[in-house]
Amino acid sequence: MPQKKPTRNPFYFFMLEKIPELRRQGFEVKGLKDAAPLCSSAWTSLTALEKEKFAQMAHEWKAEKGNKMFNEPSTKQVMPLTKFHFQTLNLQVPVTVRSFNDSVLF
């Protein structure tokens, strides 16, 4: 099962901003996993007003992601149900009646 990507919360954006600074200070930071313990104390010392900048970034990201999910076509392939699927699942087969020759389609 694929791993879930980390949430884009305010702390996430704070860490992204801090990683270059941590590297300049000599810390070996390969990614967010390494940055989290190094950034946690600095994050807790921020005021609510200072955290608001990062909260706004997270809010904008989530809004943009939500728009993309609903505006972009799905890449999933959908297989139409056939008469066999309906019979196997014990479902009622929808019937469409053509008026020009009264033939029934499944």
PDB file of N, CA and C in Angstrom:
ATOM      1  N   MET A   1       0.841  -1.173   0.000  1.00  0.00           N
ATOM      2  CA  MET A   1       0.000   0.000   0.000  1.00  0.00           C
ATOM      3  C   MET A   1       0.890   1.240   0.000  1.00  0.00           C
ATOM      4  N   PRO A   2       0.658   2.183  -0.910  1.00  0.00           N
ATOM      5  CA  PRO A   2       1.522   3.370  -0.985  1.00  0.00           C
ATOM      6  C   PRO A   2       1.372   4.244   0.254  1.00  0.00           C
ATOM      7  N   GLN A   3       2.491   4.883   0.619  1.00  0.00           N
ATOM      8  CA  GLN A   3       2.458   5.753   1.780  1.00  0.00           C
ATOM      9  C   GLN A   3       1.718   7.042   1.443  1.00  0.00           C
ATOM     10  N   LYS A   4       1.000   7.543   2.439  1.00  0.00           N
ATOM     11  CA  LYS A   4       0.262   8.784   2.269  1.00  0.00           C
ATOM     12  C   LYS A   4       1.243   9.949   2.362  1.00  0.00           C
ATOM     13  N   LYS A   5       1.076  10.946   1.493  1.00  0.00           N
ATOM     14  CA  LYS A   5       1.946  12.120   1.542  1.00  0.00           C
ATOM     15  C   LYS A   5       1.631  12.935   2.790  1.00  0.00           C
ATOM     16  N   PRO A   6       2.641  13.609   3.342  1.00  0.00           N
ATOM     17  CA  PRO A   6       2.382  14.390   4.556  1.00  0.00           C
ATOM     18  C   PRO A   6       1.400  15.526   4.276  1.00  0.00           C
ATOM     19  N   THR A   7       0.652  15.883   5.303  1.00  0.00           N
ATOM     20  CA  THR A   7      -0.311  16.969   5.152  1.00  0.00           C
ATOM     21  C   THR A   7       0.410  18.289   5.001  1.00  0.00           C
ATOM     22  N   ARG A   8      -0.211  19.175   4.295  1.00  0.00           N
ATOM     23  CA  ARG A   8       0.371  20.499   4.083  1.00  0.00           C
ATOM     24  C   ARG A   8      -0.221  21.451   5.122  1.00  0.00           C
ATOM     25  N   ASN A   9       0.210  21.295   6.342  1.00  0.00           N
ATOM     26  CA  ASN A   9      -0.257  22.168   7.411  1.00  0.00           C
ATOM     27  C   ASN A   9       0.733  23.325   7.585  1.00  0.00           C
ATOM     28  N   PRO A  10       0.428  24.280   8.459  1.00  0.00           N
ATOM     29  CA  PRO A  10       1.334  25.422   8.628  1.00  0.00           C
ATOM     30  C   PRO A  10       2.768  25.011   8.999  1.00  0.00           C
ATOM     31  N   PHE A  11       2.916  23.991   9.819  1.00  0.00           N
ATOM     32  CA  PHE A  11       4.253  23.546  10.212  1.00  0.00           C
ATOM     33  C   PHE A  11       5.047  23.038   9.010  1.00  0.00           C
ATOM     34  N   TYR A  12       4.365  22.394   8.069  1.00  0.00           N
ATOM     35  CA  TYR A  12       5.007  21.925   6.839  1.00  0.00           C
ATOM     36  C   TYR A  12       5.667  23.088   6.105  1.00  0.00           C
ATOM     37  N   PHE A  13       4.932  24.190   5.923  1.00  0.00           N
ATOM     38  CA  PHE A  13       5.473  25.347   5.196  1.00  0.00           C
ATOM     39  C   PHE A  13       6.559  26.049   6.007  1.00  0.00           C
ATOM     40  N   PHE A  14       6.452  26.018   7.328  1.00  0.00           N
ATOM     41  CA  PHE A  14       7.503  26.570   8.188  1.00  0.00           C
ATOM     42  C   PHE A  14       8.801  25.787   7.989  1.00  0.00           C
ATOM     43  N   MET A  15       8.700  24.458   7.959  1.00  0.00           N
ATOM     44  CA  MET A  15       9.895  23.630   7.758  1.00  0.00           C
ATOM     45  C   MET A  15      10.525  23.885   6.396  1.00  0.00           C
ATOM     46  N   LEU A  16       9.687  24.027   5.361  1.00  0.00           N
ATOM     47  CA  LEU A  16      10.236  24.301   4.025  1.00  0.00           C
ATOM     48  C   LEU A  16      11.051  25.589   4.019  1.00  0.00           C
ATOM     49  N   GLU A  17      10.592  26.571   4.764  1.00  0.00           N
ATOM     50  CA  GLU A  17      11.311  27.837   4.824  1.00  0.00           C
ATOM     51  C   GLU A  17      12.588  27.723   5.656  1.00  0.00           C
ATOM     52  N   LYS A  18      12.601  26.860   6.658  1.00  0.00           N
ATOM     53  CA  LYS A  18      13.739  26.722   7.566  1.00  0.00           C
ATOM     54  C   LYS A  18      14.848  25.805   7.048  1.00  0.00           C
ATOM     55  N   ILE A  19      14.544  24.892   6.159  1.00  0.00           N
ATOM     56  CA  ILE A  19      15.538  23.908   5.706  1.00  0.00           C
ATOM     57  C   ILE A  19      16.806  24.562   5.164  1.00  0.00           C
ATOM     58  N   PRO A  20      16.727  25.562   4.270  1.00  0.00           N
ATOM     59  CA  PRO A  20      17.973  26.178   3.789  1.00  0.00           C
ATOM     60  C   PRO A  20      18.803  26.804   4.925  1.00  0.00           C
ATOM     61  N   GLU A  21      18.123  27.403   5.891  1.00  0.00           N
ATOM     62  CA  GLU A  21      18.820  28.007   7.031  1.00  0.00           C
ATOM     63  C   GLU A  21      19.509  26.934   7.874  1.00  0.00           C
ATOM     64  N   LEU A  22      18.843  25.815   8.094  1.00  0.00           N
ATOM     65  CA  LEU A  22      19.441  24.721   8.862  1.00  0.00           C
ATOM     66  C   LEU A  22      20.677  24.164   8.154  1.00  0.00           C
ATOM     67  N   ARG A  23      20.618  24.061   6.842  1.00  0.00           N
ATOM     68  CA  ARG A  23      21.765  23.569   6.081  1.00  0.00           C
ATOM     69  C   ARG A  23      22.939  24.537   6.160  1.00  0.00           C
ATOM     70  N   ARG A  24      22.643  25.844   6.127  1.00  0.00           N
ATOM     71  CA  ARG A  24      23.716  26.843   6.271  1.00  0.00           C
ATOM     72  C   ARG A  24      24.363  26.764   7.654  1.00  0.00           C
ATOM     73  N   GLN A  25      23.578  26.358   8.645  1.00  0.00           N
ATOM     74  CA  GLN A  25      24.113  26.231  10.009  1.00  0.00           C
ATOM     75  C   GLN A  25      24.890  24.929  10.193  1.00  0.00           C
ATOM     76  N   GLY A  26      24.934  24.081   9.179  1.00  0.00           N
ATOM     77  CA  GLY A  26      25.746  22.876   9.233  1.00  0.00           C
ATOM     78  C   GLY A  26      24.988  21.604   9.541  1.00  0.00           C
ATOM     79  N   PHE A  27      23.670  21.681   9.669  1.00  0.00           N
ATOM     80  CA  PHE A  27      22.884  20.469   9.914  1.00  0.00           C
ATOM     81  C   PHE A  27      22.700  19.717   8.604  1.00  0.00           C
ATOM     82  N   GLU A  28      22.760  18.390   8.691  1.00  0.00           N
ATOM     83  CA  GLU A  28      22.534  17.562   7.511  1.00  0.00           C
ATOM     84  C   GLU A  28      21.044  17.257   7.428  1.00  0.00           C
ATOM     85  N   VAL A  29      20.348  18.037   6.628  1.00  0.00           N
ATOM     86  CA  VAL A  29      18.901  17.907   6.486  1.00  0.00           C
ATOM     87  C   VAL A  29      18.610  17.432   5.070  1.00  0.00           C
ATOM     88  N   LYS A  30      18.140  16.179   4.969  1.00  0.00           N
ATOM     89  CA  LYS A  30      17.829  15.611   3.655  1.00  0.00           C
ATOM     90  C   LYS A  30      16.388  15.887   3.248  1.00  0.00           C
ATOM     91  N   GLY A  31      15.531  16.088   4.219  1.00  0.00           N
ATOM     92  CA  GLY A  31      14.122  16.317   3.913  1.00  0.00           C
ATOM     93  C   GLY A  31      13.343  16.714   5.153  1.00  0.00           C
ATOM     94  N   LEU A  32      12.040  16.662   5.036  1.00  0.00           N
ATOM     95  CA  LEU A  32      11.169  17.090   6.120  1.00  0.00           C
ATOM     96  C   LEU A  32      11.317  16.221   7.366  1.00  0.00           C
ATOM     97  N   LYS A  33      11.559  14.939   7.173  1.00  0.00           N
ATOM     98  CA  LYS A  33      11.710  14.034   8.313  1.00  0.00           C
ATOM     99  C   LYS A  33      12.884  14.463   9.191  1.00  0.00           C
ATOM    100  N   ASP A  34      13.965  14.893   8.571  1.00  0.00           N
ATOM    101  CA  ASP A  34      15.135  15.352   9.323  1.00  0.00           C
ATOM    102  C   ASP A  34      14.905  16.741   9.913  1.00  0.00           C
ATOM    103  N   ALA A  35      14.113  17.551   9.237  1.00  0.00           N
ATOM    104  CA  ALA A  35      13.903  18.933   9.673  1.00  0.00           C
ATOM    105  C   ALA A  35      12.919  19.048  10.834  1.00  0.00           C
ATOM    106  N   ALA A  36      11.977  18.129  10.937  1.00  0.00           N
ATOM    107  CA  ALA A  36      10.908  18.236  11.942  1.00  0.00           C
ATOM    108  C   ALA A  36      11.430  18.394  13.368  1.00  0.00           C
ATOM    109  N   PRO A  37      12.325  17.532  13.858  1.00  0.00           N
ATOM    110  CA  PRO A  37      12.791  17.716  15.241  1.00  0.00           C
ATOM    111  C   PRO A  37      13.607  19.000  15.433  1.00  0.00           C
ATOM    112  N   LEU A  38      14.291  19.429  14.378  1.00  0.00           N
ATOM    113  CA  LEU A  38      15.110  20.636  14.476  1.00  0.00           C
ATOM    114  C   LEU A  38      14.242  21.901  14.460  1.00  0.00           C
ATOM    115  N   CYS A  39      13.077  21.831  13.865  1.00  0.00           N
ATOM    116  CA  CYS A  39      12.203  23.002  13.741  1.00  0.00           C
ATOM    117  C   CYS A  39      11.143  23.098  14.830  1.00  0.00           C
ATOM    118  N   SER A  40      10.911  22.026  15.548  1.00  0.00           N
ATOM    119  CA  SER A  40       9.783  22.006  16.480  1.00  0.00           C
ATOM    120  C   SER A  40       9.885  23.051  17.581  1.00  0.00           C
ATOM    121  N   SER A  41      11.061  23.234  18.153  1.00  0.00           N
ATOM    122  CA  SER A  41      11.187  24.227  19.232  1.00  0.00           C
ATOM    123  C   SER A  41      11.034  25.646  18.695  1.00  0.00           C
ATOM    124  N   ALA A  42      11.560  25.901  17.510  1.00  0.00           N
ATOM    125  CA  ALA A  42      11.401  27.225  16.900  1.00  0.00           C
ATOM    126  C   ALA A  42       9.932  27.485  16.568  1.00  0.00           C
ATOM    127  N   TRP A  43       9.212  26.456  16.155  1.00  0.00           N
ATOM    128  CA  TRP A  43       7.795  26.594  15.835  1.00  0.00           C
ATOM    129  C   TRP A  43       6.974  26.938  17.079  1.00  0.00           C
ATOM    130  N   THR A  44       7.262  26.258  18.174  1.00  0.00           N
ATOM    131  CA  THR A  44       6.494  26.519  19.400  1.00  0.00           C
ATOM    132  C   THR A  44       6.784  27.898  19.964  1.00  0.00           C
ATOM    133  N   SER A  45       7.952  28.452  19.651  1.00  0.00           N
ATOM    134  CA  SER A  45       8.282  29.784  20.174  1.00  0.00           C
ATOM    135  C   SER A  45       7.687  30.915  19.328  1.00  0.00           C
ATOM    136  N   LEU A  46       7.135  30.598  18.155  1.00  0.00           N
ATOM    137  CA  LEU A  46       6.512  31.630  17.327  1.00  0.00           C
ATOM    138  C   LEU A  46       5.203  32.104  17.949  1.00  0.00           C
ATOM    139  N   THR A  47       4.887  33.358  17.735  1.00  0.00           N
ATOM    140  CA  THR A  47       3.605  33.898  18.193  1.00  0.00           C
ATOM    141  C   THR A  47       2.521  33.493  17.199  1.00  0.00           C
ATOM    142  N   ALA A  48       1.277  33.662  17.600  1.00  0.00           N
ATOM    143  CA  ALA A  48       0.155  33.336  16.716  1.00  0.00           C
ATOM    144  C   ALA A  48       0.202  34.192  15.454  1.00  0.00           C
ATOM    145  N   LEU A  49       0.628  35.431  15.587  1.00  0.00           N
ATOM    146  CA  LEU A  49       0.717  36.322  14.438  1.00  0.00           C
ATOM    147  C   LEU A  49       1.786  35.836  13.450  1.00  0.00           C
ATOM    148  N   GLU A  50       2.912  35.352  13.974  1.00  0.00           N
ATOM    149  CA  GLU A  50       3.972  34.828  13.109  1.00  0.00           C
ATOM    150  C   GLU A  50       3.545  33.522  12.432  1.00  0.00           C
ATOM    151  N   LYS A  51       2.771  32.709  13.143  1.00  0.00           N
ATOM    152  CA  LYS A  51       2.289  31.445  12.576  1.00  0.00           C
ATOM    153  C   LYS A  51       1.217  31.681  11.508  1.00  0.00           C
ATOM    154  N   GLU A  52       0.550  32.832  11.564  1.00  0.00           N
ATOM    155  CA  GLU A  52      -0.520  33.135  10.624  1.00  0.00           C
ATOM    156  C   GLU A  52      -0.034  33.120   9.171  1.00  0.00           C
ATOM    157  N   LYS A  53       1.187  33.575   8.951  1.00  0.00           N
ATOM    158  CA  LYS A  53       1.774  33.565   7.597  1.00  0.00           C
ATOM    159  C   LYS A  53       1.769  32.152   7.023  1.00  0.00           C
ATOM    160  N   PHE A  54       2.174  31.191   7.831  1.00  0.00           N
ATOM    161  CA  PHE A  54       2.264  29.801   7.391  1.00  0.00           C
ATOM    162  C   PHE A  54       0.879  29.163   7.300  1.00  0.00           C
ATOM    163  N   ALA A  55      -0.025  29.582   8.174  1.00  0.00           N
ATOM    164  CA  ALA A  55      -1.400  29.092   8.105  1.00  0.00           C
ATOM    165  C   ALA A  55      -2.050  29.542   6.798  1.00  0.00           C
ATOM    166  N   GLN A  56      -1.759  30.771   6.387  1.00  0.00           N
ATOM    167  CA  GLN A  56      -2.296  31.289   5.130  1.00  0.00           C
ATOM    168  C   GLN A  56      -1.738  30.509   3.937  1.00  0.00           C
ATOM    169  N   MET A  57      -0.465  30.172   3.986  1.00  0.00           N
ATOM    170  CA  MET A  57       0.148  29.390   2.909  1.00  0.00           C
ATOM    171  C   MET A  57      -0.522  28.023   2.802  1.00  0.00           C
ATOM    172  N   ALA A  58      -0.784  27.386   3.955  1.00  0.00           N
ATOM    173  CA  ALA A  58      -1.438  26.075   3.962  1.00  0.00           C
ATOM    174  C   ALA A  58      -2.864  26.184   3.423  1.00  0.00           C
ATOM    175  N   HIS A  59      -3.555  27.237   3.826  1.00  0.00           N
ATOM    176  CA  HIS A  59      -4.923  27.445   3.365  1.00  0.00           C
ATOM    177  C   HIS A  59      -4.965  27.626   1.842  1.00  0.00           C
ATOM    178  N   GLU A  60      -4.056  28.404   1.306  1.00  0.00           N
ATOM    179  CA  GLU A  60      -4.000  28.637  -0.143  1.00  0.00           C
ATOM    180  C   GLU A  60      -3.670  27.350  -0.891  1.00  0.00           C
ATOM    181  N   TRP A  61      -2.745  26.559  -0.342  1.00  0.00           N
ATOM    182  CA  TRP A  61      -2.376  25.308  -0.983  1.00  0.00           C
ATOM    183  C   TRP A  61      -3.578  24.360  -1.029  1.00  0.00           C
ATOM    184  N   LYS A  62      -4.289  24.255   0.102  1.00  0.00           N
ATOM    185  CA  LYS A  62      -5.446  23.361   0.156  1.00  0.00           C
ATOM    186  C   LYS A  62      -6.538  23.818  -0.796  1.00  0.00           C
ATOM    187  N   ALA A  63      -6.745  25.132  -0.908  1.00  0.00           N
ATOM    188  CA  ALA A  63      -7.756  25.657  -1.828  1.00  0.00           C
ATOM    189  C   ALA A  63      -7.360  25.353  -3.273  1.00  0.00           C
ATOM    190  N   GLU A  64      -6.087  25.525  -3.593  1.00  0.00           N
ATOM    191  CA  GLU A  64      -5.605  25.244  -4.945  1.00  0.00           C
ATOM    192  C   GLU A  64      -5.718  23.761  -5.263  1.00  0.00           C
ATOM    193  N   LYS A  65      -5.371  22.918  -4.306  1.00  0.00           N
ATOM    194  CA  LYS A  65      -5.455  21.472  -4.514  1.00  0.00           C
ATOM    195  C   LYS A  65      -6.908  21.060  -4.717  1.00  0.00           C
ATOM    196  N   GLY A  66      -7.819  21.645  -3.945  1.00  0.00           N
ATOM    197  CA  GLY A  66      -9.238  21.332  -4.088  1.00  0.00           C
ATOM    198  C   GLY A  66      -9.760  21.723  -5.450  1.00  0.00           C
ATOM    199  N   ASN A  67      -9.338  22.868  -5.966  1.00  0.00           N
ATOM    200  CA  ASN A  67      -9.766  23.306  -7.291  1.00  0.00           C
ATOM    201  C   ASN A  67      -9.243  22.369  -8.369  1.00  0.00           C
ATOM    202  N   LYS A  68      -8.012  21.913  -8.230  1.00  0.00           N
ATOM    203  CA  LYS A  68      -7.431  21.008  -9.222  1.00  0.00           C
ATOM    204  C   LYS A  68      -8.175  19.678  -9.246  1.00  0.00           C
ATOM    205  N   MET A  69      -8.572  19.206  -8.064  1.00  0.00           N
ATOM    206  CA  MET A  69      -9.255  17.919  -7.995  1.00  0.00           C
ATOM    207  C   MET A  69     -10.585  17.956  -8.742  1.00  0.00           C
ATOM    208  N   PHE A  70     -11.276  19.087  -8.689  1.00  0.00           N
ATOM    209  CA  PHE A  70     -12.585  19.158  -9.319  1.00  0.00           C
ATOM    210  C   PHE A  70     -12.527  19.666 -10.753  1.00  0.00           C
ATOM    211  N   ASN A  71     -11.454  20.340 -11.149  1.00  0.00           N
ATOM    212  CA  ASN A  71     -11.380  20.920 -12.482  1.00  0.00           C
ATOM    213  C   ASN A  71     -10.654  20.056 -13.492  1.00  0.00           C
ATOM    214  N   GLU A  72      -9.777  19.186 -13.028  1.00  0.00           N
ATOM    215  CA  GLU A  72      -9.012  18.362 -13.950  1.00  0.00           C
ATOM    216  C   GLU A  72      -9.746  17.056 -14.224  1.00  0.00           C
ATOM    217  N   PRO A  73      -9.673  16.568 -15.459  1.00  0.00           N
ATOM    218  CA  PRO A  73     -10.320  15.288 -15.757  1.00  0.00           C
ATOM    219  C   PRO A  73      -9.629  14.156 -15.009  1.00  0.00           C
ATOM    220  N   SER A  74     -10.383  13.186 -14.660  1.00  0.00           N
ATOM    221  CA  SER A  74      -9.852  12.046 -13.928  1.00  0.00           C
ATOM    222  C   SER A  74      -8.961  11.210 -14.841  1.00  0.00           C
ATOM    223  N   THR A  75      -7.887  10.666 -14.282  1.00  0.00           N
ATOM    224  CA  THR A  75      -7.003   9.801 -15.051  1.00  0.00           C
ATOM    225  C   THR A  75      -7.377   8.336 -14.866  1.00  0.00           C
ATOM    226  N   LYS A  76      -8.372   8.075 -14.013  1.00  0.00           N
ATOM    227  CA  LYS A  76      -8.797   6.703 -13.788  1.00  0.00           C
ATOM    228  C   LYS A  76      -9.603   6.221 -14.984  1.00  0.00           C
ATOM    229  N   GLN A  77      -9.372   4.974 -15.354  1.00  0.00           N
ATOM    230  CA  GLN A  77     -10.133   4.399 -16.445  1.00  0.00           C
ATOM    231  C   GLN A  77     -11.375   3.734 -15.868  1.00  0.00           C
ATOM    232  N   VAL A  78     -12.494   4.042 -16.444  1.00  0.00           N
ATOM    233  CA  VAL A  78     -13.755   3.493 -15.973  1.00  0.00           C
ATOM    234  C   VAL A  78     -14.235   2.462 -16.975  1.00  0.00           C
ATOM    235  N   MET A  79     -14.517   1.282 -16.470  1.00  0.00           N
ATOM    236  CA  MET A  79     -15.019   0.231 -17.333  1.00  0.00           C
ATOM    237  C   MET A  79     -16.532   0.184 -17.194  1.00  0.00           C
ATOM    238  N   PRO A  80     -17.274   0.280 -18.287  1.00  0.00           N
ATOM    239  CA  PRO A  80     -18.728   0.248 -18.191  1.00  0.00           C
ATOM    240  C   PRO A  80     -19.212  -1.127 -17.751  1.00  0.00           C
ATOM    241  N   LEU A  81     -20.299  -1.134 -17.007  1.00  0.00           N
ATOM    242  CA  LEU A  81     -20.878  -2.403 -16.585  1.00  0.00           C
ATOM    243  C   LEU A  81     -21.609  -3.038 -17.761  1.00  0.00           C
ATOM    244  N   THR A  82     -21.439  -4.330 -17.883  1.00  0.00           N
ATOM    245  CA  THR A  82     -22.121  -5.073 -18.944  1.00  0.00           C
ATOM    246  C   THR A  82     -23.278  -5.854 -18.330  1.00  0.00           C
ATOM    247  N   LYS A  83     -24.043  -6.492 -19.178  1.00  0.00           N
ATOM    248  CA  LYS A  83     -25.153  -7.322 -18.713  1.00  0.00           C
ATOM    249  C   LYS A  83     -24.632  -8.400 -17.757  1.00  0.00           C
ATOM    250  N   PHE A  84     -23.452  -8.942 -18.046  1.00  0.00           N
ATOM    251  CA  PHE A  84     -22.840  -9.967 -17.191  1.00  0.00           C
ATOM    252  C   PHE A  84     -22.604  -9.443 -15.774  1.00  0.00           C
ATOM    253  N   HIS A  85     -22.065  -8.196 -15.658  1.00  0.00           N
ATOM    254  CA  HIS A  85     -21.805  -7.618 -14.349  1.00  0.00           C
ATOM    255  C   HIS A  85     -23.096  -7.465 -13.550  1.00  0.00           C
ATOM    256  N   PHE A  86     -24.130  -7.008 -14.218  1.00  0.00           N
ATOM    257  CA  PHE A  86     -25.410  -6.829 -13.527  1.00  0.00           C
ATOM    258  C   PHE A  86     -25.958  -8.162 -13.040  1.00  0.00           C
ATOM    259  N   GLN A  87     -25.864  -9.207 -13.882  1.00  0.00           N
ATOM    260  CA  GLN A  87     -26.369 -10.515 -13.492  1.00  0.00           C
ATOM    261  C   GLN A  87     -25.527 -11.118 -12.376  1.00  0.00           C
ATOM    262  N   THR A  88     -24.219 -10.940 -12.443  1.00  0.00           N
ATOM    263  CA  THR A  88     -23.333 -11.478 -11.415  1.00  0.00           C
ATOM    264  C   THR A  88     -23.587 -10.814 -10.065  1.00  0.00           C
ATOM    265  N   LEU A  89     -23.848  -9.519 -10.088  1.00  0.00           N
ATOM    266  CA  LEU A  89     -24.089  -8.776  -8.848  1.00  0.00           C
ATOM    267  C   LEU A  89     -25.556  -8.799  -8.431  1.00  0.00           C
ATOM    268  N   ASN A  90     -26.378  -9.541  -9.147  1.00  0.00           N
ATOM    269  CA  ASN A  90     -27.814  -9.624  -8.880  1.00  0.00           C
ATOM    270  C   ASN A  90     -28.470  -8.253  -8.869  1.00  0.00           C
ATOM    271  N   LEU A  91     -28.147  -7.464  -9.860  1.00  0.00           N
ATOM    272  CA  LEU A  91     -28.743  -6.143 -10.004  1.00  0.00           C
ATOM    273  C   LEU A  91     -29.723  -6.160 -11.164  1.00  0.00           C
ATOM    274  N   GLN A  92     -30.654  -5.230 -11.121  1.00  0.00           N
ATOM    275  CA  GLN A  92     -31.606  -5.131 -12.211  1.00  0.00           C
ATOM    276  C   GLN A  92     -30.910  -4.504 -13.414  1.00  0.00           C
ATOM    277  N   VAL A  93     -31.035  -5.146 -14.555  1.00  0.00           N
ATOM    278  CA  VAL A  93     -30.399  -4.659 -15.770  1.00  0.00           C
ATOM    279  C   VAL A  93     -31.209  -3.484 -16.298  1.00  0.00           C
ATOM    280  N   PRO A  94     -30.550  -2.315 -16.479  1.00  0.00           N
ATOM    281  CA  PRO A  94     -31.290  -1.192 -17.043  1.00  0.00           C
ATOM    282  C   PRO A  94     -31.618  -1.468 -18.509  1.00  0.00           C
ATOM    283  N   VAL A  95     -32.797  -1.131 -18.910  1.00  0.00           N
ATOM    284  CA  VAL A  95     -33.232  -1.388 -20.279  1.00  0.00           C
ATOM    285  C   VAL A  95     -33.510  -0.053 -20.955  1.00  0.00           C
ATOM    286  N   THR A  96     -32.949   0.105 -22.143  1.00  0.00           N
ATOM    287  CA  THR A  96     -33.206   1.288 -22.953  1.00  0.00           C
ATOM    288  C   THR A  96     -33.965   0.826 -24.190  1.00  0.00           C
ATOM    289  N   VAL A  97     -35.092   1.417 -24.431  1.00  0.00           N
ATOM    290  CA  VAL A  97     -35.906   1.018 -25.574  1.00  0.00           C
ATOM    291  C   VAL A  97     -35.731   2.058 -26.668  1.00  0.00           C
ATOM    292  N   ARG A  98     -35.357   1.579 -27.840  1.00  0.00           N
ATOM    293  CA  ARG A  98     -35.244   2.471 -28.990  1.00  0.00           C
ATOM    294  C   ARG A  98     -36.609   2.598 -29.628  1.00  0.00           C
ATOM    295  N   SER A  99     -36.956   3.792 -29.967  1.00  0.00           N
ATOM    296  CA  SER A  99     -38.282   4.010 -30.526  1.00  0.00           C
ATOM    297  C   SER A  99     -38.362   3.701 -32.019  1.00  0.00           C
ATOM    298  N   PHE A 100     -37.231   3.786 -32.738  1.00  0.00           N
ATOM    299  CA  PHE A 100     -37.325   3.637 -34.188  1.00  0.00           C
ATOM    300  C   PHE A 100     -37.558   2.187 -34.613  1.00  0.00           C
ATOM    301  N   ASN A 101     -37.133   1.191 -33.824  1.00  0.00           N
ATOM    302  CA  ASN A 101     -37.445  -0.181 -34.231  1.00  0.00           C
ATOM    303  C   ASN A 101     -37.817  -1.067 -33.040  1.00  0.00           C
ATOM    304  N   ASP A 102     -38.023  -0.453 -31.882  1.00  0.00           N
ATOM    305  CA  ASP A 102     -38.462  -1.143 -30.672  1.00  0.00           C
ATOM    306  C   ASP A 102     -37.511  -2.278 -30.246  1.00  0.00           C
ATOM    307  N   SER A 103     -36.240  -2.157 -30.570  1.00  0.00           N
ATOM    308  CA  SER A 103     -35.271  -3.154 -30.095  1.00  0.00           C
ATOM    309  C   SER A 103     -34.805  -2.763 -28.708  1.00  0.00           C
ATOM    310  N   VAL A 104     -34.408  -3.746 -27.932  1.00  0.00           N
ATOM    311  CA  VAL A 104     -33.975  -3.507 -26.557  1.00  0.00           C
ATOM    312  C   VAL A 104     -32.465  -3.619 -26.491  1.00  0.00           C
ATOM    313  N   LEU A 105     -31.828  -2.649 -25.828  1.00  0.00           N
ATOM    314  CA  LEU A 105     -30.377  -2.666 -25.642  1.00  0.00           C
ATOM    315  C   LEU A 105     -30.051  -2.950 -24.193  1.00  0.00           C
ATOM    316  N   PHE A 106     -28.987  -3.679 -23.977  1.00  0.00           N
ATOM    317  CA  PHE A 106     -28.533  -3.926 -22.613  1.00  0.00           C
ATOM    318  C   PHE A 106     -27.267  -3.167 -22.377  1.00  0.00           C
TER     319      PHE A 106
END
